[in-house]
Amino acid sequence: MSVLIDTSVWSLALRRKHESLGGNGQLLVMELSELIREGRAKVMPCIRCDLRSSLAIAVANGLHSTVV
């Protein structure tokens, strides 16, 4: 089953270091990572551009390993 991921979850995962997240934040990022690996995480087309921008920021800041 596919899971539509809310913008706030993508943002949390891409804009913060894993160590700085609270317990719930870490759980959300771990679940998101699993959904991505399984190919089940989906994103609405209207937020894809914002997600790409956030990913570019995350890579530039060395945070990309948080999710992938």
C-alpha atoms as a PDB file:
ATOM      1  CA  MET A   1       0.000   0.000   0.000  1.00  0.00           C
ATOM      2  CA  SER A   2       1.283   3.487  -0.886  1.00  0.00           C
ATOM      3  CA  VAL A   3       1.498   6.210   1.751  1.00  0.00           C
ATOM      4  CA  LEU A   4       1.037   9.896   0.941  1.00  0.00           C
ATOM      5  CA  ILE A   5       3.658  11.794   2.952  1.00  0.00           C
ATOM      6  CA  ASP A   6       2.693  15.204   4.304  1.00  0.00           C
ATOM      7  CA  THR A   7       4.920  18.179   3.518  1.00  0.00           C
ATOM      8  CA  SER A   8       5.710  18.671   7.194  1.00  0.00           C
ATOM      9  CA  VAL A   9       7.245  15.184   7.426  1.00  0.00           C
ATOM     10  CA  TRP A  10       9.446  15.746   4.367  1.00  0.00           C
ATOM     11  CA  SER A  11      10.507  19.086   5.804  1.00  0.00           C
ATOM     12  CA  LEU A  12      11.322  17.582   9.189  1.00  0.00           C
ATOM     13  CA  ALA A  13      13.402  14.845   7.600  1.00  0.00           C
ATOM     14  CA  LEU A  14      15.278  17.064   5.165  1.00  0.00           C
ATOM     15  CA  ARG A  15      15.942  20.155   7.226  1.00  0.00           C
ATOM     16  CA  ARG A  16      17.127  18.762  10.541  1.00  0.00           C
ATOM     17  CA  LYS A  17      19.912  16.474  11.661  1.00  0.00           C
ATOM     18  CA  HIS A  18      18.644  13.170  12.992  1.00  0.00           C
ATOM     19  CA  GLU A  19      20.400  13.674  16.335  1.00  0.00           C
ATOM     20  CA  SER A  20      18.600  16.971  16.954  1.00  0.00           C
ATOM     21  CA  LEU A  21      15.129  15.468  16.544  1.00  0.00           C
ATOM     22  CA  GLY A  22      13.017  14.535  19.545  1.00  0.00           C
ATOM     23  CA  GLY A  23      11.771  10.980  19.999  1.00  0.00           C
ATOM     24  CA  ASN A  24       8.657  11.427  17.840  1.00  0.00           C
ATOM     25  CA  GLY A  25      10.648  13.196  15.132  1.00  0.00           C
ATOM     26  CA  GLN A  26      13.185  10.378  15.020  1.00  0.00           C
ATOM     27  CA  LEU A  27      10.393   7.822  14.720  1.00  0.00           C
ATOM     28  CA  LEU A  28       8.804   9.766  11.843  1.00  0.00           C
ATOM     29  CA  VAL A  29      12.116   9.984   9.986  1.00  0.00           C
ATOM     30  CA  MET A  30      12.820   6.274  10.517  1.00  0.00           C
ATOM     31  CA  GLU A  31       9.354   5.389   9.206  1.00  0.00           C
ATOM     32  CA  LEU A  32       9.794   7.716   6.226  1.00  0.00           C
ATOM     33  CA  SER A  33      13.155   6.099   5.451  1.00  0.00           C
ATOM     34  CA  GLU A  34      11.563   2.675   5.501  1.00  0.00           C
ATOM     35  CA  LEU A  35       8.700   3.791   3.243  1.00  0.00           C
ATOM     36  CA  ILE A  36      11.206   5.273   0.774  1.00  0.00           C
ATOM     37  CA  ARG A  37      13.287   2.068   0.718  1.00  0.00           C
ATOM     38  CA  GLU A  38      10.130   0.036   0.110  1.00  0.00           C
ATOM     39  CA  GLY A  39       9.030   2.391  -2.682  1.00  0.00           C
ATOM     40  CA  ARG A  40       5.766   3.166  -0.878  1.00  0.00           C
ATOM     41  CA  ALA A  41       6.314   6.870  -0.029  1.00  0.00           C
ATOM     42  CA  LYS A  42       4.314   9.141  -2.345  1.00  0.00           C
ATOM     43  CA  VAL A  43       4.278  12.892  -2.757  1.00  0.00           C
ATOM     44  CA  MET A  44       1.628  15.162  -4.275  1.00  0.00           C
ATOM     45  CA  PRO A  45       2.747  16.722  -7.572  1.00  0.00           C
ATOM     46  CA  CYS A  46       2.031  20.219  -6.265  1.00  0.00           C
ATOM     47  CA  ILE A  47       4.684  19.887  -3.511  1.00  0.00           C
ATOM     48  CA  ARG A  48       7.302  18.076  -5.596  1.00  0.00           C
ATOM     49  CA  CYS A  49       9.029  21.352  -6.537  1.00  0.00           C
ATOM     50  CA  ASP A  50       9.276  22.416  -2.887  1.00  0.00           C
ATOM     51  CA  LEU A  51      10.605  18.980  -1.991  1.00  0.00           C
ATOM     52  CA  ARG A  52      13.326  19.245  -4.638  1.00  0.00           C
ATOM     53  CA  SER A  53      14.315  22.615  -3.225  1.00  0.00           C
ATOM     54  CA  SER A  54      14.423  21.193   0.310  1.00  0.00           C
ATOM     55  CA  LEU A  55      16.503  18.245  -0.861  1.00  0.00           C
ATOM     56  CA  ALA A  56      19.015  20.586  -2.502  1.00  0.00           C
ATOM     57  CA  ILE A  57      19.309  22.477   0.789  1.00  0.00           C
ATOM     58  CA  ALA A  58      19.711  19.229   2.732  1.00  0.00           C
ATOM     59  CA  VAL A  59      22.454  17.958   0.430  1.00  0.00           C
ATOM     60  CA  ALA A  60      24.240  21.302   0.624  1.00  0.00           C
ATOM     61  CA  ASN A  61      24.107  21.113   4.422  1.00  0.00           C
ATOM     62  CA  GLY A  62      25.175  17.469   4.598  1.00  0.00           C
ATOM     63  CA  LEU A  63      21.795  16.272   5.907  1.00  0.00           C
ATOM     64  CA  HIS A  64      20.862  13.981   3.019  1.00  0.00           C
ATOM     65  CA  SER A  65      21.973  10.863   4.891  1.00  0.00           C
ATOM     66  CA  THR A  66      19.163  11.495   7.401  1.00  0.00           C
ATOM     67  CA  VAL A  67      16.593  10.075   5.015  1.00  0.00           C
ATOM     68  CA  VAL A  68      18.396   7.996   2.414  1.00  0.00           C
END
